[in-house]
Amino acid sequence: MADFSTNPERHLEALEFTRTIQRCLEMISPQHQLILILIDIEDFSYEEAADTLKVPIGTIKSRLARAREQMKAALQFSGELLPAQYHEVAMAGI
């Protein structure tokens, strides 16, 4: 993780970004939150996520696609809350 101690402005932007991501995660359904967390944050493979949730890999893939679409929509809705440097990320999706 980056050291923001020498740049308070960057530290504040990182905190704002983290809060925005958390708010956006809370806007999507719990099952989609879980898939995003397992795959995109915890870096589970599809197989690991399928084993953990006791569902087929196809279900993981379809839920992940829907979760990413929901997150993209939430990020676009929250675009004004994101620091300027993250606007392109929000518009491009996850």
PDB file of N, CA and C in Angstrom:
ATOM      1  N   MET A   1       0.847  -1.180   0.000  1.00  0.00           N
ATOM      2  CA  MET A   1       0.000   0.000   0.000  1.00  0.00           C
ATOM      3  C   MET A   1       0.890   1.241   0.000  1.00  0.00           C
ATOM      4  N   ALA A   2       0.434   2.275  -0.653  1.00  0.00           N
ATOM      5  CA  ALA A   2       1.214   3.506  -0.767  1.00  0.00           C
ATOM      6  C   ALA A   2       1.282   4.221   0.575  1.00  0.00           C
ATOM      7  N   ASP A   3       2.384   4.941   0.772  1.00  0.00           N
ATOM      8  CA  ASP A   3       2.571   5.727   1.989  1.00  0.00           C
ATOM      9  C   ASP A   3       2.106   7.147   1.714  1.00  0.00           C
ATOM     10  N   PHE A   4       0.981   7.539   2.319  1.00  0.00           N
ATOM     11  CA  PHE A   4       0.421   8.862   2.105  1.00  0.00           C
ATOM     12  C   PHE A   4       0.799   9.836   3.216  1.00  0.00           C
ATOM     13  N   SER A   5       1.669   9.427   4.132  1.00  0.00           N
ATOM     14  CA  SER A   5       1.985  10.260   5.284  1.00  0.00           C
ATOM     15  C   SER A   5       2.646  11.574   4.901  1.00  0.00           C
ATOM     16  N   THR A   6       3.341  11.604   3.765  1.00  0.00           N
ATOM     17  CA  THR A   6       4.007  12.835   3.362  1.00  0.00           C
ATOM     18  C   THR A   6       3.124  13.694   2.468  1.00  0.00           C
ATOM     19  N   ASN A   7       1.963  13.199   2.091  1.00  0.00           N
ATOM     20  CA  ASN A   7       1.066  13.953   1.228  1.00  0.00           C
ATOM     21  C   ASN A   7      -0.358  13.843   1.765  1.00  0.00           C
ATOM     22  N   PRO A   8      -0.734  14.748   2.662  1.00  0.00           N
ATOM     23  CA  PRO A   8      -2.059  14.671   3.271  1.00  0.00           C
ATOM     24  C   PRO A   8      -3.204  14.751   2.261  1.00  0.00           C
ATOM     25  N   GLU A   9      -3.019  15.509   1.190  1.00  0.00           N
ATOM     26  CA  GLU A   9      -4.071  15.618   0.189  1.00  0.00           C
ATOM     27  C   GLU A   9      -4.325  14.268  -0.489  1.00  0.00           C
ATOM     28  N   ARG A  10      -3.268  13.566  -0.843  1.00  0.00           N
ATOM     29  CA  ARG A  10      -3.415  12.234  -1.450  1.00  0.00           C
ATOM     30  C   ARG A  10      -4.055  11.257  -0.455  1.00  0.00           C
ATOM     31  N   HIS A  11      -3.675  11.387   0.805  1.00  0.00           N
ATOM     32  CA  HIS A  11      -4.256  10.529   1.841  1.00  0.00           C
ATOM     33  C   HIS A  11      -5.764  10.769   1.933  1.00  0.00           C
ATOM     34  N   LEU A  12      -6.175  12.025   1.936  1.00  0.00           N
ATOM     35  CA  LEU A  12      -7.595  12.368   2.008  1.00  0.00           C
ATOM     36  C   LEU A  12      -8.342  11.856   0.780  1.00  0.00           C
ATOM     37  N   GLU A  13      -7.751  11.999  -0.408  1.00  0.00           N
ATOM     38  CA  GLU A  13      -8.375  11.489  -1.625  1.00  0.00           C
ATOM     39  C   GLU A  13      -8.545   9.970  -1.561  1.00  0.00           C
ATOM     40  N   ALA A  14      -7.533   9.277  -1.042  1.00  0.00           N
ATOM     41  CA  ALA A  14      -7.620   7.817  -0.918  1.00  0.00           C
ATOM     42  C   ALA A  14      -8.735   7.420   0.047  1.00  0.00           C
ATOM     43  N   LEU A  15      -8.870   8.157   1.139  1.00  0.00           N
ATOM     44  CA  LEU A  15      -9.955   7.878   2.085  1.00  0.00           C
ATOM     45  C   LEU A  15     -11.320   8.122   1.453  1.00  0.00           C
ATOM     46  N   GLU A  16     -11.449   9.225   0.713  1.00  0.00           N
ATOM     47  CA  GLU A  16     -12.711   9.524   0.036  1.00  0.00           C
ATOM     48  C   GLU A  16     -13.054   8.430  -0.969  1.00  0.00           C
ATOM     49  N   PHE A  17     -12.049   7.987  -1.708  1.00  0.00           N
ATOM     50  CA  PHE A  17     -12.267   6.932  -2.701  1.00  0.00           C
ATOM     51  C   PHE A  17     -12.729   5.657  -2.014  1.00  0.00           C
ATOM     52  N   THR A  18     -12.074   5.291  -0.919  1.00  0.00           N
ATOM     53  CA  THR A  18     -12.447   4.091  -0.173  1.00  0.00           C
ATOM     54  C   THR A  18     -13.882   4.187   0.326  1.00  0.00           C
ATOM     55  N   ARG A  19     -14.253   5.335   0.847  1.00  0.00           N
ATOM     56  CA  ARG A  19     -15.625   5.530   1.334  1.00  0.00           C
ATOM     57  C   ARG A  19     -16.636   5.426   0.191  1.00  0.00           C
ATOM     58  N   THR A  20     -16.300   5.997  -0.954  1.00  0.00           N
ATOM     59  CA  THR A  20     -17.201   5.937  -2.102  1.00  0.00           C
ATOM     60  C   THR A  20     -17.379   4.498  -2.569  1.00  0.00           C
ATOM     61  N   ILE A  21     -16.282   3.751  -2.643  1.00  0.00           N
ATOM     62  CA  ILE A  21     -16.367   2.348  -3.043  1.00  0.00           C
ATOM     63  C   ILE A  21     -17.248   1.582  -2.058  1.00  0.00           C
ATOM     64  N   GLN A  22     -17.069   1.826  -0.778  1.00  0.00           N
ATOM     65  CA  GLN A  22     -17.880   1.143   0.236  1.00  0.00           C
ATOM     66  C   GLN A  22     -19.362   1.484   0.079  1.00  0.00           C
ATOM     67  N   ARG A  23     -19.669   2.766  -0.150  1.00  0.00           N
ATOM     68  CA  ARG A  23     -21.070   3.169  -0.342  1.00  0.00           C
ATOM     69  C   ARG A  23     -21.653   2.495  -1.584  1.00  0.00           C
ATOM     70  N   CYS A  24     -20.869   2.429  -2.635  1.00  0.00           N
ATOM     71  CA  CYS A  24     -21.343   1.785  -3.863  1.00  0.00           C
ATOM     72  C   CYS A  24     -21.566   0.294  -3.652  1.00  0.00           C
ATOM     73  N   LEU A  25     -20.681  -0.347  -2.918  1.00  0.00           N
ATOM     74  CA  LEU A  25     -20.882  -1.767  -2.602  1.00  0.00           C
ATOM     75  C   LEU A  25     -22.183  -1.967  -1.845  1.00  0.00           C
ATOM     76  N   GLU A  26     -22.493  -1.050  -0.946  1.00  0.00           N
ATOM     77  CA  GLU A  26     -23.711  -1.164  -0.148  1.00  0.00           C
ATOM     78  C   GLU A  26     -24.972  -0.948  -0.985  1.00  0.00           C
ATOM     79  N   MET A  27     -24.826  -0.357  -2.177  1.00  0.00           N
ATOM     80  CA  MET A  27     -25.972  -0.097  -3.050  1.00  0.00           C
ATOM     81  C   MET A  27     -26.373  -1.330  -3.863  1.00  0.00           C
ATOM     82  N   ILE A  28     -25.509  -2.334  -3.931  1.00  0.00           N
ATOM     83  CA  ILE A  28     -25.824  -3.514  -4.731  1.00  0.00           C
ATOM     84  C   ILE A  28     -26.285  -4.642  -3.818  1.00  0.00           C
ATOM     85  N   SER A  29     -26.896  -5.640  -4.403  1.00  0.00           N
ATOM     86  CA  SER A  29     -27.476  -6.728  -3.616  1.00  0.00           C
ATOM     87  C   SER A  29     -26.393  -7.486  -2.836  1.00  0.00           C
ATOM     88  N   PRO A  30     -26.758  -8.061  -1.697  1.00  0.00           N
ATOM     89  CA  PRO A  30     -25.776  -8.782  -0.869  1.00  0.00           C
ATOM     90  C   PRO A  30     -25.060  -9.914  -1.605  1.00  0.00           C
ATOM     91  N   GLN A  31     -25.776 -10.682  -2.431  1.00  0.00           N
ATOM     92  CA  GLN A  31     -25.108 -11.786  -3.128  1.00  0.00           C
ATOM     93  C   GLN A  31     -24.100 -11.247  -4.143  1.00  0.00           C
ATOM     94  N   HIS A  32     -24.391 -10.090  -4.723  1.00  0.00           N
ATOM     95  CA  HIS A  32     -23.450  -9.496  -5.664  1.00  0.00           C
ATOM     96  C   HIS A  32     -22.282  -8.836  -4.935  1.00  0.00           C
ATOM     97  N   GLN A  33     -22.551  -8.273  -3.772  1.00  0.00           N
ATOM     98  CA  GLN A  33     -21.454  -7.754  -2.942  1.00  0.00           C
ATOM     99  C   GLN A  33     -20.457  -8.868  -2.650  1.00  0.00           C
ATOM    100  N   LEU A  34     -20.998 -10.003  -2.234  1.00  0.00           N
ATOM    101  CA  LEU A  34     -20.158 -11.130  -1.851  1.00  0.00           C
ATOM    102  C   LEU A  34     -19.289 -11.602  -3.014  1.00  0.00           C
ATOM    103  N   ILE A  35     -19.865 -11.712  -4.194  1.00  0.00           N
ATOM    104  CA  ILE A  35     -19.092 -12.147  -5.359  1.00  0.00           C
ATOM    105  C   ILE A  35     -17.972 -11.156  -5.656  1.00  0.00           C
ATOM    106  N   LEU A  36     -18.275  -9.853  -5.637  1.00  0.00           N
ATOM    107  CA  LEU A  36     -17.235  -8.851  -5.901  1.00  0.00           C
ATOM    108  C   LEU A  36     -16.121  -8.930  -4.872  1.00  0.00           C
ATOM    109  N   ILE A  37     -16.497  -9.107  -3.633  1.00  0.00           N
ATOM    110  CA  ILE A  37     -15.485  -9.186  -2.575  1.00  0.00           C
ATOM    111  C   ILE A  37     -14.606 -10.420  -2.761  1.00  0.00           C
ATOM    112  N   LEU A  38     -15.240 -11.557  -3.003  1.00  0.00           N
ATOM    113  CA  LEU A  38     -14.459 -12.790  -3.169  1.00  0.00           C
ATOM    114  C   LEU A  38     -13.533 -12.721  -4.385  1.00  0.00           C
ATOM    115  N   ILE A  39     -14.066 -12.328  -5.534  1.00  0.00           N
ATOM    116  CA  ILE A  39     -13.296 -12.375  -6.778  1.00  0.00           C
ATOM    117  C   ILE A  39     -12.387 -11.158  -6.945  1.00  0.00           C
ATOM    118  N   ASP A  40     -12.931  -9.963  -6.797  1.00  0.00           N
ATOM    119  CA  ASP A  40     -12.170  -8.755  -7.126  1.00  0.00           C
ATOM    120  C   ASP A  40     -11.355  -8.193  -5.969  1.00  0.00           C
ATOM    121  N   ILE A  41     -11.743  -8.485  -4.755  1.00  0.00           N
ATOM    122  CA  ILE A  41     -10.989  -7.948  -3.606  1.00  0.00           C
ATOM    123  C   ILE A  41     -10.118  -9.026  -2.974  1.00  0.00           C
ATOM    124  N   GLU A  42     -10.718 -10.175  -2.683  1.00  0.00           N
ATOM    125  CA  GLU A  42      -9.965 -11.259  -2.038  1.00  0.00           C
ATOM    126  C   GLU A  42      -9.185 -12.109  -3.040  1.00  0.00           C
ATOM    127  N   ASP A  43      -9.423 -11.888  -4.319  1.00  0.00           N
ATOM    128  CA  ASP A  43      -8.684 -12.552  -5.401  1.00  0.00           C
ATOM    129  C   ASP A  43      -8.899 -14.070  -5.433  1.00  0.00           C
ATOM    130  N   PHE A  44     -10.123 -14.508  -5.100  1.00  0.00           N
ATOM    131  CA  PHE A  44     -10.472 -15.917  -5.236  1.00  0.00           C
ATOM    132  C   PHE A  44     -10.549 -16.255  -6.718  1.00  0.00           C
ATOM    133  N   SER A  45     -10.235 -17.468  -7.064  1.00  0.00           N
ATOM    134  CA  SER A  45     -10.483 -17.951  -8.420  1.00  0.00           C
ATOM    135  C   SER A  45     -11.978 -18.254  -8.526  1.00  0.00           C
ATOM    136  N   TYR A  46     -12.464 -18.446  -9.756  1.00  0.00           N
ATOM    137  CA  TYR A  46     -13.863 -18.839  -9.929  1.00  0.00           C
ATOM    138  C   TYR A  46     -14.137 -20.140  -9.196  1.00  0.00           C
ATOM    139  N   GLU A  47     -13.185 -21.058  -9.280  1.00  0.00           N
ATOM    140  CA  GLU A  47     -13.356 -22.359  -8.637  1.00  0.00           C
ATOM    141  C   GLU A  47     -13.440 -22.222  -7.116  1.00  0.00           C
ATOM    142  N   GLU A  48     -12.566 -21.387  -6.556  1.00  0.00           N
ATOM    143  CA  GLU A  48     -12.587 -21.183  -5.102  1.00  0.00           C
ATOM    144  C   GLU A  48     -13.897 -20.545  -4.660  1.00  0.00           C
ATOM    145  N   ALA A  49     -14.360 -19.562  -5.411  1.00  0.00           N
ATOM    146  CA  ALA A  49     -15.625 -18.909  -5.069  1.00  0.00           C
ATOM    147  C   ALA A  49     -16.783 -19.902  -5.186  1.00  0.00           C
ATOM    148  N   ALA A  50     -16.767 -20.719  -6.233  1.00  0.00           N
ATOM    149  CA  ALA A  50     -17.825 -21.716  -6.414  1.00  0.00           C
ATOM    150  C   ALA A  50     -17.834 -22.724  -5.268  1.00  0.00           C
ATOM    151  N   ASP A  51     -16.649 -23.171  -4.861  1.00  0.00           N
ATOM    152  CA  ASP A  51     -16.551 -24.106  -3.735  1.00  0.00           C
ATOM    153  C   ASP A  51     -17.038 -23.459  -2.446  1.00  0.00           C
ATOM    154  N   THR A  52     -16.649 -22.228  -2.230  1.00  0.00           N
ATOM    155  CA  THR A  52     -17.031 -21.513  -1.010  1.00  0.00           C
ATOM    156  C   THR A  52     -18.537 -21.322  -0.920  1.00  0.00           C
ATOM    157  N   LEU A  53     -19.135 -20.939  -2.042  1.00  0.00           N
ATOM    158  CA  LEU A  53     -20.570 -20.643  -2.048  1.00  0.00           C
ATOM    159  C   LEU A  53     -21.438 -21.839  -2.408  1.00  0.00           C
ATOM    160  N   LYS A  54     -20.788 -22.950  -2.767  1.00  0.00           N
ATOM    161  CA  LYS A  54     -21.512 -24.187  -3.112  1.00  0.00           C
ATOM    162  C   LYS A  54     -22.464 -23.972  -4.290  1.00  0.00           C
ATOM    163  N   VAL A  55     -21.951 -23.293  -5.328  1.00  0.00           N
ATOM    164  CA  VAL A  55     -22.713 -23.076  -6.558  1.00  0.00           C
ATOM    165  C   VAL A  55     -21.816 -23.420  -7.751  1.00  0.00           C
ATOM    166  N   PRO A  56     -22.402 -23.667  -8.912  1.00  0.00           N
ATOM    167  CA  PRO A  56     -21.592 -23.956 -10.101  1.00  0.00           C
ATOM    168  C   PRO A  56     -20.766 -22.741 -10.548  1.00  0.00           C
ATOM    169  N   ILE A  57     -19.681 -23.011 -11.252  1.00  0.00           N
ATOM    170  CA  ILE A  57     -18.815 -21.939 -11.751  1.00  0.00           C
ATOM    171  C   ILE A  57     -19.599 -21.007 -12.681  1.00  0.00           C
ATOM    172  N   GLY A  58     -20.496 -21.539 -13.470  1.00  0.00           N
ATOM    173  CA  GLY A  58     -21.323 -20.703 -14.352  1.00  0.00           C
ATOM    174  C   GLY A  58     -22.130 -19.679 -13.567  1.00  0.00           C
ATOM    175  N   THR A  59     -22.618 -20.083 -12.410  1.00  0.00           N
ATOM    176  CA  THR A  59     -23.365 -19.160 -11.547  1.00  0.00           C
ATOM    177  C   THR A  59     -22.450 -18.056 -11.051  1.00  0.00           C
ATOM    178  N   ILE A  60     -21.225 -18.408 -10.688  1.00  0.00           N
ATOM    179  CA  ILE A  60     -20.241 -17.413 -10.244  1.00  0.00           C
ATOM    180  C   ILE A  60     -20.000 -16.398 -11.352  1.00  0.00           C
ATOM    181  N   LYS A  61     -19.789 -16.890 -12.565  1.00  0.00           N
ATOM    182  CA  LYS A  61     -19.494 -15.995 -13.690  1.00  0.00           C
ATOM    183  C   LYS A  61     -20.667 -15.061 -13.990  1.00  0.00           C
ATOM    184  N   SER A  62     -21.878 -15.591 -13.976  1.00  0.00           N
ATOM    185  CA  SER A  62     -23.030 -14.735 -14.282  1.00  0.00           C
ATOM    186  C   SER A  62     -23.284 -13.733 -13.160  1.00  0.00           C
ATOM    187  N   ARG A  63     -23.135 -14.168 -11.914  1.00  0.00           N
ATOM    188  CA  ARG A  63     -23.316 -13.231 -10.792  1.00  0.00           C
ATOM    189  C   ARG A  63     -22.238 -12.149 -10.810  1.00  0.00           C
ATOM    190  N   LEU A  64     -21.028 -12.536 -11.151  1.00  0.00           N
ATOM    191  CA  LEU A  64     -19.937 -11.563 -11.203  1.00  0.00           C
ATOM    192  C   LEU A  64     -20.197 -10.520 -12.284  1.00  0.00           C
ATOM    193  N   ALA A  65     -20.671 -10.966 -13.444  1.00  0.00           N
ATOM    194  CA  ALA A  65     -20.983 -10.013 -14.521  1.00  0.00           C
ATOM    195  C   ALA A  65     -22.073  -9.037 -14.074  1.00  0.00           C
ATOM    196  N   ARG A  66     -23.103  -9.564 -13.423  1.00  0.00           N
ATOM    197  CA  ARG A  66     -24.179  -8.686 -12.929  1.00  0.00           C
ATOM    198  C   ARG A  66     -23.672  -7.769 -11.822  1.00  0.00           C
ATOM    199  N   ALA A  67     -22.836  -8.300 -10.951  1.00  0.00           N
ATOM    200  CA  ALA A  67     -22.287  -7.497  -9.852  1.00  0.00           C
ATOM    201  C   ALA A  67     -21.447  -6.349 -10.388  1.00  0.00           C
ATOM    202  N   ARG A  68     -20.627  -6.625 -11.386  1.00  0.00           N
ATOM    203  CA  ARG A  68     -19.787  -5.573 -11.968  1.00  0.00           C
ATOM    204  C   ARG A  68     -20.637  -4.513 -12.664  1.00  0.00           C
ATOM    205  N   GLU A  69     -21.714  -4.932 -13.310  1.00  0.00           N
ATOM    206  CA  GLU A  69     -22.620  -3.958 -13.941  1.00  0.00           C
ATOM    207  C   GLU A  69     -23.297  -3.084 -12.874  1.00  0.00           C
ATOM    208  N   GLN A  70     -23.740  -3.709 -11.795  1.00  0.00           N
ATOM    209  CA  GLN A  70     -24.362  -2.942 -10.711  1.00  0.00           C
ATOM    210  C   GLN A  70     -23.359  -1.972 -10.091  1.00  0.00           C
ATOM    211  N   MET A  71     -22.129  -2.439  -9.909  1.00  0.00           N
ATOM    212  CA  MET A  71     -21.098  -1.581  -9.312  1.00  0.00           C
ATOM    213  C   MET A  71     -20.749  -0.430 -10.258  1.00  0.00           C
ATOM    214  N   LYS A  72     -20.664  -0.719 -11.537  1.00  0.00           N
ATOM    215  CA  LYS A  72     -20.380   0.323 -12.521  1.00  0.00           C
ATOM    216  C   LYS A  72     -21.463   1.402 -12.471  1.00  0.00           C
ATOM    217  N   ALA A  73     -22.724   0.981 -12.430  1.00  0.00           N
ATOM    218  CA  ALA A  73     -23.834   1.932 -12.352  1.00  0.00           C
ATOM    219  C   ALA A  73     -23.759   2.749 -11.068  1.00  0.00           C
ATOM    220  N   ALA A  74     -23.450   2.096  -9.965  1.00  0.00           N
ATOM    221  CA  ALA A  74     -23.340   2.808  -8.687  1.00  0.00           C
ATOM    222  C   ALA A  74     -22.193   3.814  -8.718  1.00  0.00           C
ATOM    223  N   LEU A  75     -21.073   3.426  -9.312  1.00  0.00           N
ATOM    224  CA  LEU A  75     -19.935   4.343  -9.413  1.00  0.00           C
ATOM    225  C   LEU A  75     -20.256   5.532 -10.313  1.00  0.00           C
ATOM    226  N   GLN A  76     -20.964   5.291 -11.400  1.00  0.00           N
ATOM    227  CA  GLN A  76     -21.336   6.396 -12.280  1.00  0.00           C
ATOM    228  C   GLN A  76     -22.292   7.337 -11.564  1.00  0.00           C
ATOM    229  N   PHE A  77     -23.201   6.785 -10.790  1.00  0.00           N
ATOM    230  CA  PHE A  77     -24.133   7.590 -10.001  1.00  0.00           C
ATOM    231  C   PHE A  77     -23.386   8.429  -8.971  1.00  0.00           C
ATOM    232  N   SER A  78     -22.301   7.878  -8.430  1.00  0.00           N
ATOM    233  CA  SER A  78     -21.519   8.550  -7.394  1.00  0.00           C
ATOM    234  C   SER A  78     -20.334   9.319  -7.963  1.00  0.00           C
ATOM    235  N   GLY A  79     -20.277   9.480  -9.263  1.00  0.00           N
ATOM    236  CA  GLY A  79     -19.122  10.085  -9.914  1.00  0.00           C
ATOM    237  C   GLY A  79     -18.672  11.399  -9.320  1.00  0.00           C
ATOM    238  N   GLU A  80     -19.617  12.247  -8.911  1.00  0.00           N
ATOM    239  CA  GLU A  80     -19.226  13.539  -8.343  1.00  0.00           C
ATOM    240  C   GLU A  80     -18.560  13.386  -6.985  1.00  0.00           C
ATOM    241  N   LEU A  81     -18.765  12.269  -6.339  1.00  0.00           N
ATOM    242  CA  LEU A  81     -18.159  12.040  -5.030  1.00  0.00           C
ATOM    243  C   LEU A  81     -16.738  11.507  -5.135  1.00  0.00           C
ATOM    244  N   LEU A  82     -16.369  11.055  -6.328  1.00  0.00           N
ATOM    245  CA  LEU A  82     -15.032  10.508  -6.517  1.00  0.00           C
ATOM    246  C   LEU A  82     -14.022  11.635  -6.740  1.00  0.00           C
ATOM    247  N   PRO A  83     -12.816  11.484  -6.219  1.00  0.00           N
ATOM    248  CA  PRO A  83     -11.760  12.433  -6.560  1.00  0.00           C
ATOM    249  C   PRO A  83     -11.549  12.420  -8.073  1.00  0.00           C
ATOM    250  N   ALA A  84     -11.152  13.539  -8.637  1.00  0.00           N
ATOM    251  CA  ALA A  84     -11.040  13.702 -10.090  1.00  0.00           C
ATOM    252  C   ALA A  84     -10.233  12.591 -10.746  1.00  0.00           C
ATOM    253  N   GLN A  85      -9.152  12.145 -10.129  1.00  0.00           N
ATOM    254  CA  GLN A  85      -8.288  11.145 -10.755  1.00  0.00           C
ATOM    255  C   GLN A  85      -8.975   9.791 -10.933  1.00  0.00           C
ATOM    256  N   TYR A  86     -10.102   9.562 -10.269  1.00  0.00           N
ATOM    257  CA  TYR A  86     -10.785   8.283 -10.357  1.00  0.00           C
ATOM    258  C   TYR A  86     -11.988   8.318 -11.300  1.00  0.00           C
ATOM    259  N   HIS A  87     -12.312   9.461 -11.875  1.00  0.00           N
ATOM    260  CA  HIS A  87     -13.474   9.551 -12.746  1.00  0.00           C
ATOM    261  C   HIS A  87     -13.365   8.625 -13.947  1.00  0.00           C
ATOM    262  N   GLU A  88     -12.194   8.540 -14.571  1.00  0.00           N
ATOM    263  CA  GLU A  88     -12.036   7.649 -15.717  1.00  0.00           C
ATOM    264  C   GLU A  88     -12.229   6.198 -15.310  1.00  0.00           C
ATOM    265  N   VAL A  89     -11.759   5.837 -14.121  1.00  0.00           N
ATOM    266  CA  VAL A  89     -11.935   4.470 -13.624  1.00  0.00           C
ATOM    267  C   VAL A  89     -13.413   4.165 -13.469  1.00  0.00           C
ATOM    268  N   ALA A  90     -14.163   5.098 -12.909  1.00  0.00           N
ATOM    269  CA  ALA A  90     -15.585   4.878 -12.694  1.00  0.00           C
ATOM    270  C   ALA A  90     -16.320   4.756 -14.014  1.00  0.00           C
ATOM    271  N   MET A  91     -15.940   5.536 -14.989  1.00  0.00           N
ATOM    272  CA  MET A  91     -16.608   5.497 -16.280  1.00  0.00           C
ATOM    273  C   MET A  91     -16.250   4.238 -17.068  1.00  0.00           C
ATOM    274  N   ALA A  92     -15.060   3.706 -16.823  1.00  0.00           N
ATOM    275  CA  ALA A  92     -14.633   2.505 -17.546  1.00  0.00           C
ATOM    276  C   ALA A  92     -15.226   1.246 -16.926  1.00  0.00           C
ATOM    277  N   GLY A  93     -15.685   1.329 -15.695  1.00  0.00           N
ATOM    278  CA  GLY A  93     -16.202   0.153 -15.010  1.00  0.00           C
ATOM    279  C   GLY A  93     -15.080  -0.566 -14.285  1.00  0.00           C
ATOM    280  N   ILE A  94     -15.419  -1.704 -13.725  1.00  0.00           N
ATOM    281  CA  ILE A  94     -14.441  -2.460 -12.926  1.00  0.00           C
ATOM    282  C   ILE A  94     -13.814  -3.517 -13.777  1.00  0.00           C
TER     283      ILE A  94
END
